[in-house]
C-alpha atoms as a PDB file:
ATOM      1  CA  UNK A   1       0.145   0.042  -0.360  1.00  0.00           C
ATOM      2  CA  UNK A   2       1.222   3.582  -0.774  1.00  0.00           C
ATOM      3  CA  UNK A   3       1.275   5.149   3.030  1.00  0.00           C
ATOM      4  CA  UNK A   4       2.979   7.945   4.415  1.00  0.00           C
ATOM      5  CA  UNK A   5       6.025   6.996   6.096  1.00  0.00           C
ATOM      6  CA  UNK A   6       7.166   3.871   4.272  1.00  0.00           C
ATOM      7  CA  UNK A   7      10.632   3.012   4.789  1.00  0.00           C
ATOM      8  CA  UNK A   8      11.476   1.974   0.996  1.00  0.00           C
ATOM      9  CA  UNK A   9      15.303   2.094   0.527  1.00  0.00           C
ATOM     10  CA  UNK A  10      15.350  -0.084  -2.631  1.00  0.00           C
ATOM     11  CA  UNK A  11      17.274  -3.086  -0.673  1.00  0.00           C
ATOM     12  CA  UNK A  12      15.653  -5.994   0.381  1.00  0.00           C
ATOM     13  CA  UNK A  13      13.782  -6.162   3.543  1.00  0.00           C
ATOM     14  CA  UNK A  14      16.139  -7.656   6.357  1.00  0.00           C
ATOM     15  CA  UNK A  15      15.533 -11.439   6.684  1.00  0.00           C
ATOM     16  CA  UNK A  16      15.888 -13.644  10.090  1.00  0.00           C
ATOM     17  CA  UNK A  17      15.623 -17.582  10.379  1.00  0.00           C
ATOM     18  CA  UNK A  18      12.910 -16.844  13.062  1.00  0.00           C
ATOM     19  CA  UNK A  19      12.993 -15.808  16.486  1.00  0.00           C
ATOM     20  CA  UNK A  20      14.789 -17.997  19.405  1.00  0.00           C
ATOM     21  CA  UNK A  21      13.230 -21.429  20.479  1.00  0.00           C
ATOM     22  CA  UNK A  22      10.334 -20.934  22.988  1.00  0.00           C
ATOM     23  CA  UNK A  23      12.167 -22.877  25.520  1.00  0.00           C
ATOM     24  CA  UNK A  24      15.197 -20.288  25.277  1.00  0.00           C
ATOM     25  CA  UNK A  25      12.441 -17.603  26.370  1.00  0.00           C
ATOM     26  CA  UNK A  26      11.178 -19.814  29.290  1.00  0.00           C
ATOM     27  CA  UNK A  27      14.530 -20.563  30.344  1.00  0.00           C
ATOM     28  CA  UNK A  28      15.170 -16.903  30.505  1.00  0.00           C
ATOM     29  CA  UNK A  29      12.074 -16.379  32.770  1.00  0.00           C
ATOM     30  CA  UNK A  30      12.878 -19.231  35.324  1.00  0.00           C
ATOM     31  CA  UNK A  31      14.256 -16.614  37.765  1.00  0.00           C
ATOM     32  CA  UNK A  32      17.251 -15.192  38.858  1.00  0.00           C
ATOM     33  CA  UNK A  33      20.450 -17.133  39.875  1.00  0.00           C
ATOM     34  CA  UNK A  34      21.158 -16.944  43.380  1.00  0.00           C
ATOM     35  CA  UNK A  35      22.764 -13.851  44.539  1.00  0.00           C
ATOM     36  CA  UNK A  36      21.901 -11.515  41.878  1.00  0.00           C
ATOM     37  CA  UNK A  37      20.575  -8.130  42.709  1.00  0.00           C
ATOM     38  CA  UNK A  38      16.450  -7.215  42.491  1.00  0.00           C
ATOM     39  CA  UNK A  39      17.371  -4.936  39.393  1.00  0.00           C
ATOM     40  CA  UNK A  40      19.323  -7.486  37.445  1.00  0.00           C
ATOM     41  CA  UNK A  41      16.777 -10.100  38.453  1.00  0.00           C
ATOM     42  CA  UNK A  42      13.954  -7.968  36.545  1.00  0.00           C
ATOM     43  CA  UNK A  43      15.757  -8.500  33.115  1.00  0.00           C
ATOM     44  CA  UNK A  44      13.965 -11.059  31.099  1.00  0.00           C
ATOM     45  CA  UNK A  45      16.896 -12.449  28.795  1.00  0.00           C
ATOM     46  CA  UNK A  46      14.364 -14.105  26.498  1.00  0.00           C
ATOM     47  CA  UNK A  47      12.553 -11.094  25.827  1.00  0.00           C
ATOM     48  CA  UNK A  48      15.403  -9.160  25.138  1.00  0.00           C
ATOM     49  CA  UNK A  49      16.746 -11.781  22.603  1.00  0.00           C
ATOM     50  CA  UNK A  50      12.983 -11.748  21.294  1.00  0.00           C
ATOM     51  CA  UNK A  51      12.917  -8.045  21.170  1.00  0.00           C
ATOM     52  CA  UNK A  52      16.405  -8.049  19.370  1.00  0.00           C
ATOM     53  CA  UNK A  53      15.650 -10.414  16.912  1.00  0.00           C
ATOM     54  CA  UNK A  54      12.672  -8.919  16.110  1.00  0.00           C
ATOM     55  CA  UNK A  55      14.064  -5.576  15.265  1.00  0.00           C
ATOM     56  CA  UNK A  56      15.670  -7.013  12.505  1.00  0.00           C
ATOM     57  CA  UNK A  57      12.764  -7.255  10.386  1.00  0.00           C
ATOM     58  CA  UNK A  58      11.282  -4.859   8.305  1.00  0.00           C
ATOM     59  CA  UNK A  59       7.697  -4.982   9.616  1.00  0.00           C
ATOM     60  CA  UNK A  60       4.470  -3.777   8.176  1.00  0.00           C
ATOM     61  CA  UNK A  61       1.876  -4.693  10.860  1.00  0.00           C
ATOM     62  CA  UNK A  62       2.238  -3.714  14.397  1.00  0.00           C
ATOM     63  CA  UNK A  63       1.863  -7.127  16.413  1.00  0.00           C
ATOM     64  CA  UNK A  64       2.142  -7.522  20.200  1.00  0.00           C
ATOM     65  CA  UNK A  65       4.133 -10.809  20.217  1.00  0.00           C
ATOM     66  CA  UNK A  66       4.169 -11.078  24.154  1.00  0.00           C
ATOM     67  CA  UNK A  67       6.642 -10.812  26.809  1.00  0.00           C
ATOM     68  CA  UNK A  68       6.574  -7.011  26.327  1.00  0.00           C
ATOM     69  CA  UNK A  69       7.561  -7.202  22.787  1.00  0.00           C
ATOM     70  CA  UNK A  70       5.761  -5.402  19.868  1.00  0.00           C
ATOM     71  CA  UNK A  71       6.726  -5.424  16.522  1.00  0.00           C
ATOM     72  CA  UNK A  72       7.728  -1.705  15.061  1.00  0.00           C
ATOM     73  CA  UNK A  73       5.381  -1.672  12.042  1.00  0.00           C
ATOM     74  CA  UNK A  74       4.249   0.855   9.625  1.00  0.00           C
ATOM     75  CA  UNK A  75       0.409   0.172  10.623  1.00  0.00           C
ATOM     76  CA  UNK A  76      -0.960  -0.083  14.034  1.00  0.00           C
ATOM     77  CA  UNK A  77      -4.718  -1.631  13.573  1.00  0.00           C
ATOM     78  CA  UNK A  78      -5.183  -2.590  17.175  1.00  0.00           C
ATOM     79  CA  UNK A  79      -6.562   0.836  18.103  1.00  0.00           C
ATOM     80  CA  UNK A  80      -8.979   0.265  14.949  1.00  0.00           C
ATOM     81  CA  UNK A  81      -9.874  -3.412  15.288  1.00  0.00           C
ATOM     82  CA  UNK A  82     -13.739  -2.195  16.473  1.00  0.00           C
ATOM     83  CA  UNK A  83     -14.081  -0.216  12.955  1.00  0.00           C
ATOM     84  CA  UNK A  84     -13.985  -3.777  11.026  1.00  0.00           C
ATOM     85  CA  UNK A  85     -16.964  -5.099  13.002  1.00  0.00           C
ATOM     86  CA  UNK A  86     -15.315  -8.491  13.231  1.00  0.00           C
ATOM     87  CA  UNK A  87     -17.761 -11.334  15.231  1.00  0.00           C
ATOM     88  CA  UNK A  88     -16.380 -11.476  18.607  1.00  0.00           C
ATOM     89  CA  UNK A  89     -16.348 -14.898  18.516  1.00  0.00           C
ATOM     90  CA  UNK A  90     -15.678 -17.521  15.460  1.00  0.00           C
ATOM     91  CA  UNK A  91     -15.909 -20.664  17.255  1.00  0.00           C
ATOM     92  CA  UNK A  92     -16.670 -23.236  14.934  1.00  0.00           C
ATOM     93  CA  UNK A  93     -15.826 -21.538  12.036  1.00  0.00           C
ATOM     94  CA  UNK A  94     -13.071 -22.031   9.427  1.00  0.00           C
ATOM     95  CA  UNK A  95     -11.483 -18.664   8.271  1.00  0.00           C
ATOM     96  CA  UNK A  96      -9.257 -17.500   5.357  1.00  0.00           C
ATOM     97  CA  UNK A  97      -6.645 -14.089   5.488  1.00  0.00           C
ATOM     98  CA  UNK A  98      -6.174 -13.423   2.313  1.00  0.00           C
ATOM     99  CA  UNK A  99      -2.711 -11.440   1.319  1.00  0.00           C
ATOM    100  CA  UNK A 100      -1.364 -11.830   5.172  1.00  0.00           C
ATOM    101  CA  UNK A 101       1.570  -9.944   5.249  1.00  0.00           C
ATOM    102  CA  UNK A 102       2.936 -10.158   8.521  1.00  0.00           C
ATOM    103  CA  UNK A 103      -0.028 -12.073   9.978  1.00  0.00           C
ATOM    104  CA  UNK A 104      -1.527  -9.534  12.031  1.00  0.00           C
ATOM    105  CA  UNK A 105      -5.154 -10.174  11.154  1.00  0.00           C
ATOM    106  CA  UNK A 106      -4.466 -14.245  10.988  1.00  0.00           C
ATOM    107  CA  UNK A 107      -3.495 -14.284  14.155  1.00  0.00           C
ATOM    108  CA  UNK A 108      -6.362 -12.025  15.207  1.00  0.00           C
ATOM    109  CA  UNK A 109      -8.728 -14.517  13.657  1.00  0.00           C
ATOM    110  CA  UNK A 110      -7.068 -17.160  16.087  1.00  0.00           C
ATOM    111  CA  UNK A 111      -7.608 -14.996  18.701  1.00  0.00           C
ATOM    112  CA  UNK A 112     -11.467 -14.810  18.464  1.00  0.00           C
ATOM    113  CA  UNK A 113     -11.716 -18.588  18.540  1.00  0.00           C
ATOM    114  CA  UNK A 114     -11.744 -19.807  14.981  1.00  0.00           C
ATOM    115  CA  UNK A 115     -11.472 -23.447  14.512  1.00  0.00           C
ATOM    116  CA  UNK A 116      -9.121 -23.077  11.686  1.00  0.00           C
ATOM    117  CA  UNK A 117      -7.348 -20.365   9.780  1.00  0.00           C
ATOM    118  CA  UNK A 118      -5.565 -20.340   6.495  1.00  0.00           C
ATOM    119  CA  UNK A 119      -3.288 -17.468   5.576  1.00  0.00           C
ATOM    120  CA  UNK A 120      -2.409 -16.955   1.947  1.00  0.00           C
ATOM    121  CA  UNK A 121       0.241 -14.823   0.455  1.00  0.00           C
ATOM    122  CA  UNK A 122       2.815 -14.825  -2.506  1.00  0.00           C
ATOM    123  CA  UNK A 123       6.158 -16.061  -1.442  1.00  0.00           C
ATOM    124  CA  UNK A 124       8.606 -13.115  -3.208  1.00  0.00           C
ATOM    125  CA  UNK A 125       8.639  -9.406  -3.812  1.00  0.00           C
ATOM    126  CA  UNK A 126       8.809 -10.741  -7.901  1.00  0.00           C
ATOM    127  CA  UNK A 127       5.401 -12.688  -7.595  1.00  0.00           C
ATOM    128  CA  UNK A 128       3.660  -9.318  -6.964  1.00  0.00           C
ATOM    129  CA  UNK A 129       1.272  -7.834  -9.407  1.00  0.00           C
ATOM    130  CA  UNK A 130       3.556  -5.897 -11.343  1.00  0.00           C
ATOM    131  CA  UNK A 131       3.683  -4.131 -14.556  1.00  0.00           C
ATOM    132  CA  UNK A 132       5.927  -5.472 -17.541  1.00  0.00           C
ATOM    133  CA  UNK A 133       9.545  -5.128 -16.991  1.00  0.00           C
ATOM    134  CA  UNK A 134       9.211  -4.313 -13.529  1.00  0.00           C
ATOM    135  CA  UNK A 135       9.843  -7.988 -12.220  1.00  0.00           C
ATOM    136  CA  UNK A 136      12.510  -8.450 -14.271  1.00  0.00           C
ATOM    137  CA  UNK A 137      13.971  -5.144 -12.859  1.00  0.00           C
ATOM    138  CA  UNK A 138      13.423  -6.622  -9.232  1.00  0.00           C
ATOM    139  CA  UNK A 139      15.197  -9.688 -10.222  1.00  0.00           C
ATOM    140  CA  UNK A 140      18.191  -8.141 -11.882  1.00  0.00           C
ATOM    141  CA  UNK A 141      18.865  -5.500  -9.518  1.00  0.00           C
ATOM    142  CA  UNK A 142      19.246  -8.164  -6.413  1.00  0.00           C
ATOM    143  CA  UNK A 143      15.968  -6.483  -4.901  1.00  0.00           C
ATOM    144  CA  UNK A 144      14.311  -9.805  -4.793  1.00  0.00           C
ATOM    145  CA  UNK A 145      13.389 -11.346  -1.406  1.00  0.00           C
ATOM    146  CA  UNK A 146      10.803 -12.868   0.642  1.00  0.00           C
ATOM    147  CA  UNK A 147       7.792 -10.821   0.363  1.00  0.00           C
ATOM    148  CA  UNK A 148       7.657 -10.412   4.441  1.00  0.00           C
ATOM    149  CA  UNK A 149       9.639 -12.600   6.941  1.00  0.00           C
ATOM    150  CA  UNK A 150       7.705 -11.343   9.298  1.00  0.00           C
ATOM    151  CA  UNK A 151       5.042 -13.779   9.196  1.00  0.00           C
ATOM    152  CA  UNK A 152       7.318 -16.755   9.708  1.00  0.00           C
ATOM    153  CA  UNK A 153       8.422 -15.053  13.153  1.00  0.00           C
ATOM    154  CA  UNK A 154       5.416 -14.097  14.392  1.00  0.00           C
ATOM    155  CA  UNK A 155       3.780 -17.352  13.897  1.00  0.00           C
ATOM    156  CA  UNK A 156       6.854 -19.047  15.998  1.00  0.00           C
ATOM    157  CA  UNK A 157       6.748 -16.535  18.678  1.00  0.00           C
ATOM    158  CA  UNK A 158       3.040 -16.487  19.214  1.00  0.00           C
ATOM    159  CA  UNK A 159       2.976 -20.753  18.744  1.00  0.00           C
ATOM    160  CA  UNK A 160       0.198 -20.292  16.300  1.00  0.00           C
ATOM    161  CA  UNK A 161      -1.476 -23.166  14.580  1.00  0.00           C
ATOM    162  CA  UNK A 162      -2.344 -20.377  11.401  1.00  0.00           C
ATOM    163  CA  UNK A 163      -2.083 -22.537   8.313  1.00  0.00           C
ATOM    164  CA  UNK A 164       0.143 -20.431   5.469  1.00  0.00           C
ATOM    165  CA  UNK A 165      -0.173 -21.236   2.127  1.00  0.00           C
ATOM    166  CA  UNK A 166       1.902 -19.871  -0.869  1.00  0.00           C
ATOM    167  CA  UNK A 167      -1.231 -18.833  -3.014  1.00  0.00           C
ATOM    168  CA  UNK A 168      -1.983 -15.744  -4.779  1.00  0.00           C
ATOM    169  CA  UNK A 169      -5.579 -14.440  -4.976  1.00  0.00           C
ATOM    170  CA  UNK A 170      -5.781 -15.334  -8.580  1.00  0.00           C
ATOM    171  CA  UNK A 171      -5.194 -18.852  -7.648  1.00  0.00           C
ATOM    172  CA  UNK A 172      -7.939 -19.223  -4.970  1.00  0.00           C
ATOM    173  CA  UNK A 173     -10.191 -22.517  -5.858  1.00  0.00           C
ATOM    174  CA  UNK A 174     -12.265 -24.829  -3.681  1.00  0.00           C
ATOM    175  CA  UNK A 175     -10.177 -27.281  -5.170  1.00  0.00           C
ATOM    176  CA  UNK A 176      -6.715 -25.297  -4.443  1.00  0.00           C
ATOM    177  CA  UNK A 177      -7.759 -24.363  -0.986  1.00  0.00           C
ATOM    178  CA  UNK A 178     -11.757 -25.409   0.177  1.00  0.00           C
ATOM    179  CA  UNK A 179     -14.195 -23.178   1.300  1.00  0.00           C
ATOM    180  CA  UNK A 180     -14.845 -20.689   4.131  1.00  0.00           C
ATOM    181  CA  UNK A 181     -17.077 -19.475   6.590  1.00  0.00           C
ATOM    182  CA  UNK A 182     -15.237 -16.228   6.420  1.00  0.00           C
ATOM    183  CA  UNK A 183     -12.726 -14.671   4.350  1.00  0.00           C
ATOM    184  CA  UNK A 184     -10.996 -11.479   5.366  1.00  0.00           C
ATOM    185  CA  UNK A 185      -9.231  -9.450   2.608  1.00  0.00           C
ATOM    186  CA  UNK A 186      -7.989  -5.694   3.925  1.00  0.00           C
ATOM    187  CA  UNK A 187      -5.656  -3.492   1.642  1.00  0.00           C
ATOM    188  CA  UNK A 188      -5.251  -5.259  -1.207  1.00  0.00           C
ATOM    189  CA  UNK A 189      -7.480  -4.323  -3.892  1.00  0.00           C
ATOM    190  CA  UNK A 190      -5.738  -1.138  -4.786  1.00  0.00           C
ATOM    191  CA  UNK A 191      -2.328  -3.523  -5.380  1.00  0.00           C
ATOM    192  CA  UNK A 192      -4.001  -5.537  -8.297  1.00  0.00           C
ATOM    193  CA  UNK A 193      -4.254  -5.377 -11.746  1.00  0.00           C
ATOM    194  CA  UNK A 194      -7.524  -6.812 -12.042  1.00  0.00           C
ATOM    195  CA  UNK A 195      -9.300  -6.709  -8.615  1.00  0.00           C
ATOM    196  CA  UNK A 196     -12.860  -7.805 -10.241  1.00  0.00           C
ATOM    197  CA  UNK A 197     -11.201 -11.157 -11.066  1.00  0.00           C
ATOM    198  CA  UNK A 198      -9.439 -11.346  -7.512  1.00  0.00           C
ATOM    199  CA  UNK A 199     -13.023 -10.763  -6.015  1.00  0.00           C
ATOM    200  CA  UNK A 200     -14.396 -13.631  -8.009  1.00  0.00           C
ATOM    201  CA  UNK A 201     -12.041 -16.322  -6.928  1.00  0.00           C
ATOM    202  CA  UNK A 202     -12.349 -14.740  -3.385  1.00  0.00           C
ATOM    203  CA  UNK A 203     -16.254 -15.607  -3.750  1.00  0.00           C
ATOM    204  CA  UNK A 204     -15.413 -18.883  -4.727  1.00  0.00           C
ATOM    205  CA  UNK A 205     -14.152 -20.029  -1.649  1.00  0.00           C
ATOM    206  CA  UNK A 206     -16.470 -18.049   0.519  1.00  0.00           C
ATOM    207  CA  UNK A 207     -19.602 -19.963   1.601  1.00  0.00           C
ATOM    208  CA  UNK A 208     -20.721 -17.403   4.268  1.00  0.00           C
ATOM    209  CA  UNK A 209     -19.210 -14.126   4.911  1.00  0.00           C
ATOM    210  CA  UNK A 210     -16.309 -11.752   3.679  1.00  0.00           C
ATOM    211  CA  UNK A 211     -14.975  -8.805   5.297  1.00  0.00           C
ATOM    212  CA  UNK A 212     -13.407  -6.808   2.080  1.00  0.00           C
ATOM    213  CA  UNK A 213     -11.450  -3.796   3.966  1.00  0.00           C
ATOM    214  CA  UNK A 214      -9.847  -1.329   1.098  1.00  0.00           C
ATOM    215  CA  UNK A 215      -8.258   2.006   0.549  1.00  0.00           C
ATOM    216  CA  UNK A 216     -10.875   4.408  -0.796  1.00  0.00           C
ATOM    217  CA  UNK A 217     -10.571   7.941  -2.068  1.00  0.00           C
ATOM    218  CA  UNK A 218     -13.058  10.860  -0.835  1.00  0.00           C
ATOM    219  CA  UNK A 219     -12.038  12.928  -3.650  1.00  0.00           C
ATOM    220  CA  UNK A 220     -13.996  10.372  -6.082  1.00  0.00           C
ATOM    221  CA  UNK A 221     -17.201  10.412  -4.047  1.00  0.00           C
ATOM    222  CA  UNK A 222     -19.878  11.974  -5.508  1.00  0.00           C
ATOM    223  CA  UNK A 223     -22.517  11.415  -3.024  1.00  0.00           C
ATOM    224  CA  UNK A 224     -24.676   9.311  -5.078  1.00  0.00           C
ATOM    225  CA  UNK A 225     -24.375   5.813  -6.614  1.00  0.00           C
ATOM    226  CA  UNK A 226     -21.741   6.326  -8.996  1.00  0.00           C
ATOM    227  CA  UNK A 227     -18.669   4.115  -9.019  1.00  0.00           C
ATOM    228  CA  UNK A 228     -15.365   6.050 -10.350  1.00  0.00           C
ATOM    229  CA  UNK A 229     -11.970   4.320 -10.594  1.00  0.00           C
ATOM    230  CA  UNK A 230      -8.615   6.417 -11.340  1.00  0.00           C
ATOM    231  CA  UNK A 231      -5.818   4.393 -12.898  1.00  0.00           C
ATOM    232  CA  UNK A 232      -2.912   6.590 -11.630  1.00  0.00           C
ATOM    233  CA  UNK A 233       1.121   6.420 -12.981  1.00  0.00           C
ATOM    234  CA  UNK A 234       2.674   3.546 -11.488  1.00  0.00           C
ATOM    235  CA  UNK A 235       5.299   4.937  -9.167  1.00  0.00           C
ATOM    236  CA  UNK A 236       8.028   2.490  -7.853  1.00  0.00           C
ATOM    237  CA  UNK A 237       7.712   1.215  -4.330  1.00  0.00           C
ATOM    238  CA  UNK A 238       3.956   2.218  -4.081  1.00  0.00           C
ATOM    239  CA  UNK A 239       2.767  -0.808  -5.983  1.00  0.00           C
ATOM    240  CA  UNK A 240      -0.508   0.978  -6.739  1.00  0.00           C
ATOM    241  CA  UNK A 241      -2.814   0.045  -9.719  1.00  0.00           C
ATOM    242  CA  UNK A 242      -6.360   1.758  -8.930  1.00  0.00           C
ATOM    243  CA  UNK A 243      -7.894   4.555  -6.811  1.00  0.00           C
ATOM    244  CA  UNK A 244     -11.354   3.747  -6.443  1.00  0.00           C
ATOM    245  CA  UNK A 245     -14.059   5.000  -4.525  1.00  0.00           C
ATOM    246  CA  UNK A 246     -16.337   3.047  -1.777  1.00  0.00           C
ATOM    247  CA  UNK A 247     -19.508   2.460  -4.799  1.00  0.00           C
ATOM    248  CA  UNK A 248     -17.123   0.675  -6.888  1.00  0.00           C
ATOM    249  CA  UNK A 249     -15.572  -1.661  -4.655  1.00  0.00           C
ATOM    250  CA  UNK A 250     -19.065  -2.117  -3.175  1.00  0.00           C
ATOM    251  CA  UNK A 251     -20.455  -2.931  -6.765  1.00  0.00           C
ATOM    252  CA  UNK A 252     -17.641  -5.182  -7.661  1.00  0.00           C
ATOM    253  CA  UNK A 253     -18.265  -7.046  -4.576  1.00  0.00           C
ATOM    254  CA  UNK A 254     -21.849  -7.749  -5.952  1.00  0.00           C
ATOM    255  CA  UNK A 255     -20.522  -8.319  -9.395  1.00  0.00           C
ATOM    256  CA  UNK A 256     -18.569 -11.075  -8.054  1.00  0.00           C
ATOM    257  CA  UNK A 257     -21.788 -13.355  -6.628  1.00  0.00           C
ATOM    258  CA  UNK A 258     -22.257 -12.079  -3.349  1.00  0.00           C
ATOM    259  CA  UNK A 259     -26.037 -11.744  -2.224  1.00  0.00           C
ATOM    260  CA  UNK A 260     -25.890  -9.031   0.078  1.00  0.00           C
ATOM    261  CA  UNK A 261     -22.923  -6.265   0.280  1.00  0.00           C
ATOM    262  CA  UNK A 262     -23.085  -3.636   3.477  1.00  0.00           C
ATOM    263  CA  UNK A 263     -21.038  -0.850   4.090  1.00  0.00           C
ATOM    264  CA  UNK A 264     -19.836  -0.519   7.858  1.00  0.00           C
ATOM    265  CA  UNK A 265     -17.507   1.907   7.958  1.00  0.00           C
ATOM    266  CA  UNK A 266     -15.094   4.443   6.853  1.00  0.00           C
ATOM    267  CA  UNK A 267     -12.084   5.642   9.022  1.00  0.00           C
ATOM    268  CA  UNK A 268      -8.846   6.668   8.356  1.00  0.00           C
ATOM    269  CA  UNK A 269      -5.958   3.969   8.652  1.00  0.00           C
ATOM    270  CA  UNK A 270      -3.865   4.088  11.869  1.00  0.00           C
ATOM    271  CA  UNK A 271      -0.294   5.041  10.540  1.00  0.00           C
ATOM    272  CA  UNK A 272       1.859   6.209  13.818  1.00  0.00           C
ATOM    273  CA  UNK A 273       3.895   9.287  12.999  1.00  0.00           C
ATOM    274  CA  UNK A 274       2.085  10.287  10.119  1.00  0.00           C
ATOM    275  CA  UNK A 275       0.066  13.511   9.944  1.00  0.00           C
ATOM    276  CA  UNK A 276      -3.746  12.953  10.276  1.00  0.00           C
ATOM    277  CA  UNK A 277      -4.263  14.750   6.318  1.00  0.00           C
ATOM    278  CA  UNK A 278      -1.827  12.140   5.025  1.00  0.00           C
ATOM    279  CA  UNK A 279      -3.617   9.075   6.539  1.00  0.00           C
ATOM    280  CA  UNK A 280      -5.719   6.569   3.857  1.00  0.00           C
ATOM    281  CA  UNK A 281      -9.308   6.554   4.196  1.00  0.00           C
ATOM    282  CA  UNK A 282     -10.566   3.037   4.083  1.00  0.00           C
ATOM    283  CA  UNK A 283     -14.131   1.452   4.016  1.00  0.00           C
ATOM    284  CA  UNK A 284     -15.457  -1.730   5.236  1.00  0.00           C
ATOM    285  CA  UNK A 285     -17.927  -3.968   3.791  1.00  0.00           C
ATOM    286  CA  UNK A 286     -19.036  -7.093   4.280  1.00  0.00           C
ATOM    287  CA  UNK A 287     -20.379  -9.612   1.297  1.00  0.00           C
ATOM    288  CA  UNK A 288     -22.566 -12.351   2.501  1.00  0.00           C
ATOM    289  CA  UNK A 289     -23.654 -15.244   0.486  1.00  0.00           C
ATOM    290  CA  UNK A 290     -26.401 -17.962   1.146  1.00  0.00           C
ATOM    291  CA  UNK A 291     -27.706 -18.548   4.335  1.00  0.00           C
ATOM    292  CA  UNK A 292     -25.414 -15.932   5.601  1.00  0.00           C
ATOM    293  CA  UNK A 293     -26.768 -13.556   3.455  1.00  0.00           C
ATOM    294  CA  UNK A 294     -30.566 -14.278   4.445  1.00  0.00           C
ATOM    295  CA  UNK A 295     -29.878 -14.253   8.155  1.00  0.00           C
ATOM    296  CA  UNK A 296     -28.142 -10.576   7.919  1.00  0.00           C
ATOM    297  CA  UNK A 297     -31.578  -9.487   6.787  1.00  0.00           C
ATOM    298  CA  UNK A 298     -29.762  -7.137   4.997  1.00  0.00           C
ATOM    299  CA  UNK A 299     -30.968  -5.327   1.607  1.00  0.00           C
ATOM    300  CA  UNK A 300     -28.513  -5.597  -1.029  1.00  0.00           C
ATOM    301  CA  UNK A 301     -26.442  -2.795  -2.630  1.00  0.00           C
ATOM    302  CA  UNK A 302     -27.649  -1.677  -5.948  1.00  0.00           C
ATOM    303  CA  UNK A 303     -24.791  -2.215  -8.720  1.00  0.00           C
ATOM    304  CA  UNK A 304     -24.613   0.496 -10.995  1.00  0.00           C
ATOM    305  CA  UNK A 305     -24.589  -0.783 -14.569  1.00  0.00           C
END
């Protein structure tokens, strides 16, 4: 996502093999050796090792790893969780996190009690949806590398059971990953050459409800049901294909085959340290199918044709 304050040096993100083993952290919390002073005994060597290892990664998500360690992510979703209107309990549900990045939302779905969480993402920077020639230049210049090193690190730190799969949103299908009671997709559509096809694939694996939260552009809002999208000039490091208004995103969800589409909220994304006027605007939709749509009792949006 194109966001203020993003560190983009053109060099690959730092890669680490992951945090020290859980046993090492446990050993760091087993108490102080005889004769240690009070101040010394308050230092948790395991937490310090975790903090130092986490600091080697360029994080997109702010994630609480426990032990007093929080990643220094570009975006901090934690204060805005209520704006996404996710169910408090996901017990009994199979959930999918599309384009998981560092995994904040995957781990949040797990924290809410989902029976199973699957996270999908591409493996490398060169696998992103890129214009002609850009992929080759990334590889040629040595800038290619893991799309994110954070997920595996946080997964180990949290002792998570989330199932990570290397699958593009364009490759989603019931045959590939099965179907899900809840699908979550955030801040992805603007980065895709073909967001409509992506949503078609999301619909194919959704048997219940999808939460789609993406960047929308207030300057494209018209006050009525008009759908507008702008094709900006490609800027290296921003990876943005489209600027869309909220009606466009909602209508694409209907075209993808969801039975009902409800707009839940709009807000400015929390980017610590950024100027308020520069924060991206977001819109959150809940799109439902089958019995989930009927139980919601909502009136579908009217697609603009």
